[in-house]
C-alpha atoms as a PDB file:
ATOM      1  CA  MET A   1       0.000   0.000   0.000  1.00  0.00           C
ATOM      2  CA  SER A   2       2.821   2.441   0.724  1.00  0.00           C
ATOM      3  CA  VAL A   3       3.677   2.525  -2.955  1.00  0.00           C
ATOM      4  CA  TYR A   4       0.392   4.364  -3.631  1.00  0.00           C
ATOM      5  CA  ILE A   5       0.698   6.993  -0.901  1.00  0.00           C
ATOM      6  CA  HIS A   6       2.768   9.240  -3.165  1.00  0.00           C
ATOM      7  CA  HIS A   7       0.133   9.030  -5.900  1.00  0.00           C
ATOM      8  CA  ILE A   8      -2.714   9.817  -3.531  1.00  0.00           C
ATOM      9  CA  GLU A   9      -0.856  12.798  -2.064  1.00  0.00           C
ATOM     10  CA  PHE A  10       0.028  14.050  -5.542  1.00  0.00           C
ATOM     11  CA  ILE A  11      -3.619  14.018  -6.598  1.00  0.00           C
ATOM     12  CA  GLU A  12      -4.750  15.614  -3.321  1.00  0.00           C
ATOM     13  CA  ARG A  13      -2.168  18.411  -3.551  1.00  0.00           C
ATOM     14  CA  THR A  14      -3.053  19.115  -7.164  1.00  0.00           C
ATOM     15  CA  LEU A  15      -6.755  19.281  -6.298  1.00  0.00           C
ATOM     16  CA  LYS A  16      -5.871  21.670  -3.467  1.00  0.00           C
ATOM     17  CA  ILE A  17      -3.953  23.932  -5.867  1.00  0.00           C
ATOM     18  CA  LEU A  18      -7.023  24.163  -8.076  1.00  0.00           C
ATOM     19  CA  SER A  19      -9.307  24.925  -5.153  1.00  0.00           C
ATOM     20  CA  GLN A  20      -7.023  27.719  -3.889  1.00  0.00           C
ATOM     21  CA  HIS A  21      -6.569  29.528  -7.194  1.00  0.00           C
ATOM     22  CA  GLU A  22      -8.780  30.775  -9.973  1.00  0.00           C
ATOM     23  CA  CYS A  23      -7.149  28.379 -12.411  1.00  0.00           C
ATOM     24  CA  ASN A  24      -9.657  28.957 -15.174  1.00  0.00           C
ATOM     25  CA  HIS A  25      -7.882  32.169 -16.088  1.00  0.00           C
ATOM     26  CA  GLU A  26      -4.330  31.000 -15.481  1.00  0.00           C
ATOM     27  CA  LYS A  27      -3.880  28.737 -18.501  1.00  0.00           C
ATOM     28  CA  THR A  28      -0.405  27.466 -17.627  1.00  0.00           C
ATOM     29  CA  LEU A  29      -1.376  26.563 -14.066  1.00  0.00           C
ATOM     30  CA  PHE A  30      -4.532  24.825 -15.234  1.00  0.00           C
ATOM     31  CA  LEU A  31      -2.678  22.752 -17.857  1.00  0.00           C
ATOM     32  CA  ASN A  32      -0.020  21.817 -15.311  1.00  0.00           C
ATOM     33  CA  CYS A  33      -2.785  20.636 -13.003  1.00  0.00           C
ATOM     34  CA  CYS A  34      -4.257  18.575 -15.857  1.00  0.00           C
ATOM     35  CA  VAL A  35      -0.960  16.708 -16.001  1.00  0.00           C
ATOM     36  CA  GLY A  36      -1.436  15.833 -12.350  1.00  0.00           C
ATOM     37  CA  LEU A  37      -5.128  15.052 -12.534  1.00  0.00           C
ATOM     38  CA  LEU A  38      -5.384  13.274 -15.892  1.00  0.00           C
ATOM     39  CA  LEU A  39      -2.038  11.813 -16.821  1.00  0.00           C
ATOM     40  CA  MET A  40      -0.809  10.407 -13.554  1.00  0.00           C
ATOM     41  CA  PRO A  41      -4.097   8.776 -12.425  1.00  0.00           C
ATOM     42  CA  GLN A  42      -4.815   7.423 -15.921  1.00  0.00           C
ATOM     43  CA  GLN A  43      -1.330   5.934 -16.241  1.00  0.00           C
ATOM     44  CA  LEU A  44      -1.589   4.403 -12.783  1.00  0.00           C
ATOM     45  CA  ALA A  45      -5.016   2.924 -13.547  1.00  0.00           C
ATOM     46  CA  ALA A  46      -3.744   1.509 -16.849  1.00  0.00           C
ATOM     47  CA  ARG A  47      -0.686  -0.004 -15.167  1.00  0.00           C
ATOM     48  CA  THR A  48      -2.520  -1.663 -12.275  1.00  0.00           C
ATOM     49  CA  LYS A  49      -5.442  -2.895 -14.410  1.00  0.00           C
ATOM     50  CA  THR A  50      -7.356  -3.259 -11.137  1.00  0.00           C
ATOM     51  CA  ILE A  51      -8.169   0.384 -10.482  1.00  0.00           C
ATOM     52  CA  SER A  52     -10.514   1.930 -12.998  1.00  0.00           C
ATOM     53  CA  ILE A  53     -13.841   3.662 -13.284  1.00  0.00           C
ATOM     54  CA  ASP A  54     -16.304   1.240 -14.811  1.00  0.00           C
ATOM     55  CA  GLU A  55     -18.928   3.758 -15.941  1.00  0.00           C
ATOM     56  CA  THR A  56     -20.029   5.453 -19.119  1.00  0.00           C
ATOM     57  CA  VAL A  57     -19.996   9.214 -19.291  1.00  0.00           C
ATOM     58  CA  ASP A  58     -23.073  11.407 -19.329  1.00  0.00           C
ATOM     59  CA  TYR A  59     -23.594  15.120 -19.109  1.00  0.00           C
ATOM     60  CA  ASP A  60     -25.144  15.313 -15.641  1.00  0.00           C
ATOM     61  CA  ASN A  61     -22.468  13.275 -13.860  1.00  0.00           C
ATOM     62  CA  TRP A  62     -19.363  13.859 -15.961  1.00  0.00           C
ATOM     63  CA  GLY A  63     -19.995  17.018 -18.015  1.00  0.00           C
ATOM     64  CA  ILE A  64     -19.602  15.112 -21.297  1.00  0.00           C
ATOM     65  CA  ASP A  65     -22.268  15.318 -23.999  1.00  0.00           C
ATOM     66  CA  ILE A  66     -21.488  12.168 -25.996  1.00  0.00           C
ATOM     67  CA  SER A  67     -23.502  13.449 -28.969  1.00  0.00           C
ATOM     68  CA  GLN A  68     -20.819  16.128 -29.453  1.00  0.00           C
ATOM     69  CA  ILE A  69     -17.902  13.663 -29.684  1.00  0.00           C
ATOM     70  CA  LYS A  70     -16.507  13.317 -33.198  1.00  0.00           C
ATOM     71  CA  GLU A  71     -14.792  10.141 -34.431  1.00  0.00           C
ATOM     72  CA  ASN A  72     -14.541   8.422 -31.056  1.00  0.00           C
ATOM     73  CA  ASP A  73     -12.126   5.480 -31.238  1.00  0.00           C
ATOM     74  CA  ALA A  74     -12.243   3.234 -28.162  1.00  0.00           C
ATOM     75  CA  CYS A  75      -9.290   1.498 -26.620  1.00  0.00           C
ATOM     76  CA  GLU A  76      -9.536  -2.280 -27.006  1.00  0.00           C
ATOM     77  CA  GLY A  77     -11.929  -3.736 -24.463  1.00  0.00           C
ATOM     78  CA  LEU A  78     -13.535  -0.395 -23.568  1.00  0.00           C
ATOM     79  CA  ASP A  79     -16.879   1.074 -24.528  1.00  0.00           C
ATOM     80  CA  LYS A  80     -16.242   4.160 -26.656  1.00  0.00           C
ATOM     81  CA  ASN A  81     -18.152   6.277 -24.118  1.00  0.00           C
ATOM     82  CA  SER A  82     -16.541   4.796 -21.023  1.00  0.00           C
ATOM     83  CA  VAL A  83     -14.959   7.102 -18.477  1.00  0.00           C
ATOM     84  CA  GLU A  84     -11.588   5.398 -18.971  1.00  0.00           C
ATOM     85  CA  ASN A  85     -11.730   5.797 -22.759  1.00  0.00           C
ATOM     86  CA  ILE A  86     -12.613   9.507 -22.527  1.00  0.00           C
ATOM     87  CA  ALA A  87      -9.876  10.014 -19.902  1.00  0.00           C
ATOM     88  CA  ARG A  88      -7.377   8.310 -22.236  1.00  0.00           C
ATOM     89  CA  HIS A  89      -8.303  10.664 -25.086  1.00  0.00           C
ATOM     90  CA  PHE A  90      -8.090  13.700 -22.793  1.00  0.00           C
ATOM     91  CA  ARG A  91      -4.712  12.496 -21.511  1.00  0.00           C
ATOM     92  CA  ASN A  92      -3.402  12.054 -25.053  1.00  0.00           C
ATOM     93  CA  SER A  93      -4.683  15.472 -26.092  1.00  0.00           C
ATOM     94  CA  ILE A  94      -3.013  17.277 -23.191  1.00  0.00           C
ATOM     95  CA  SER A  95       0.243  15.315 -23.264  1.00  0.00           C
ATOM     96  CA  HIS A  96       0.690  15.687 -27.044  1.00  0.00           C
ATOM     97  CA  TYR A  97      -0.438  19.337 -27.000  1.00  0.00           C
ATOM     98  CA  ARG A  98      -3.389  18.669 -29.293  1.00  0.00           C
ATOM     99  CA  PHE A  99      -5.946  21.017 -27.836  1.00  0.00           C
ATOM    100  CA  ASP A 100      -7.142  24.531 -28.418  1.00  0.00           C
ATOM    101  CA  VAL A 101      -8.190  26.838 -25.634  1.00  0.00           C
ATOM    102  CA  MET A 102     -10.895  28.985 -27.156  1.00  0.00           C
ATOM    103  CA  SER A 103     -11.082  32.739 -26.506  1.00  0.00           C
ATOM    104  CA  CYS A 104      -7.469  32.837 -25.330  1.00  0.00           C
ATOM    105  CA  ASN A 105      -7.315  36.616 -25.188  1.00  0.00           C
ATOM    106  CA  LYS A 106     -10.140  36.877 -22.691  1.00  0.00           C
ATOM    107  CA  LYS A 107      -9.653  36.785 -18.950  1.00  0.00           C
ATOM    108  CA  TYR A 108     -11.239  33.337 -18.551  1.00  0.00           C
ATOM    109  CA  ILE A 109     -11.007  30.177 -20.589  1.00  0.00           C
ATOM    110  CA  GLU A 110     -14.489  29.696 -22.015  1.00  0.00           C
ATOM    111  CA  LYS A 111     -14.125  26.665 -24.282  1.00  0.00           C
ATOM    112  CA  ILE A 112     -11.604  23.993 -25.072  1.00  0.00           C
ATOM    113  CA  VAL A 113     -11.297  21.693 -28.074  1.00  0.00           C
ATOM    114  CA  VAL A 114      -9.728  18.366 -27.139  1.00  0.00           C
ATOM    115  CA  ILE A 115      -8.203  16.396 -30.029  1.00  0.00           C
ATOM    116  CA  ASP A 116      -6.598  12.948 -30.056  1.00  0.00           C
ATOM    117  CA  LYS A 117      -4.875  11.483 -33.088  1.00  0.00           C
ATOM    118  CA  LYS A 118      -3.325   8.199 -34.046  1.00  0.00           C
ATOM    119  CA  GLY A 119      -0.145   8.378 -36.057  1.00  0.00           C
ATOM    120  CA  GLU A 120       2.231  11.211 -36.822  1.00  0.00           C
ATOM    121  CA  GLY A 121       2.419  14.158 -39.189  1.00  0.00           C
ATOM    122  CA  ASP A 122       0.166  14.393 -42.236  1.00  0.00           C
ATOM    123  CA  LYS A 123      -0.866  10.750 -41.896  1.00  0.00           C
ATOM    124  CA  ALA A 124      -2.237  11.204 -38.375  1.00  0.00           C
ATOM    125  CA  LYS A 125      -5.909  10.254 -38.122  1.00  0.00           C
ATOM    126  CA  THR A 126      -8.197  12.042 -35.687  1.00  0.00           C
ATOM    127  CA  THR A 127      -9.639   9.443 -33.321  1.00  0.00           C
ATOM    128  CA  PHE A 128     -11.414  11.854 -30.977  1.00  0.00           C
ATOM    129  CA  GLN A 129     -12.492  15.484 -31.015  1.00  0.00           C
ATOM    130  CA  LEU A 130     -14.705  17.308 -28.569  1.00  0.00           C
ATOM    131  CA  GLU A 131     -15.392  21.019 -28.163  1.00  0.00           C
ATOM    132  CA  MET A 132     -16.776  21.808 -24.745  1.00  0.00           C
ATOM    133  CA  ASN A 133     -17.233  24.530 -22.173  1.00  0.00           C
ATOM    134  CA  PHE A 134     -14.299  24.848 -19.843  1.00  0.00           C
ATOM    135  CA  SER A 135     -16.527  24.211 -16.824  1.00  0.00           C
ATOM    136  CA  ASP A 136     -17.593  20.835 -18.283  1.00  0.00           C
ATOM    137  CA  PHE A 137     -13.982  19.863 -19.019  1.00  0.00           C
ATOM    138  CA  SER A 138     -13.016  20.880 -15.500  1.00  0.00           C
ATOM    139  CA  LYS A 139     -15.918  18.861 -14.055  1.00  0.00           C
ATOM    140  CA  PHE A 140     -14.696  15.707 -15.799  1.00  0.00           C
ATOM    141  CA  VAL A 141     -11.048  16.190 -14.823  1.00  0.00           C
ATOM    142  CA  LEU A 142     -11.842  16.915 -11.160  1.00  0.00           C
ATOM    143  CA  LYS A 143     -14.302  14.040 -10.824  1.00  0.00           C
ATOM    144  CA  TYR A 144     -11.986  11.578 -12.584  1.00  0.00           C
ATOM    145  CA  ALA A 145      -9.087  12.415 -10.282  1.00  0.00           C
ATOM    146  CA  THR A 146     -11.243  12.378  -7.154  1.00  0.00           C
ATOM    147  CA  VAL A 147     -12.865   9.001  -7.928  1.00  0.00           C
ATOM    148  CA  LEU A 148      -9.509   7.393  -8.750  1.00  0.00           C
ATOM    149  CA  LYS A 149      -7.959   8.881  -5.598  1.00  0.00           C
ATOM    150  CA  ASP A 150     -10.753   7.337  -3.526  1.00  0.00           C
ATOM    151  CA  LYS A 151     -10.282   3.977  -5.255  1.00  0.00           C
ATOM    152  CA  LEU A 152      -6.524   4.116  -4.580  1.00  0.00           C
ATOM    153  CA  ARG A 153      -7.200   4.691  -0.887  1.00  0.00           C
ATOM    154  CA  LYS A 154      -9.255   1.482  -0.742  1.00  0.00           C
ATOM    155  CA  TYR A 155      -6.782  -0.547  -2.808  1.00  0.00           C
END
């Protein structure tokens, strides 16, 4: 169990940073927090294969309107609208810098377009694209990290 303490504390501290700051107007801070709240928990869940969120996304609970997803390509063994599949696409988008923060010159981030691709360069195929309000994106990221943190505590 001690091996997971670091991961739990990392998620908790990152969540605390977000709660203490108005991160929706500090783009760099928000994206750094996404690394902590999307990448690390998703990688840990993928590595352990025993800690995951076995749910499909919906707007009320996760902030994701599945009707707005374009070209959703699911990871093998996952429903294309599963929480883990969406988290994987979000993780890929952030880590490969394939996103667009809409209305960048305004004080607050209003919208974000999340894009995931398979392949490199001109031959890369879009496997996922979703334009959404920043508050919905934030809702998903925060809930995903919190649920995985709670599951890690029980593991």
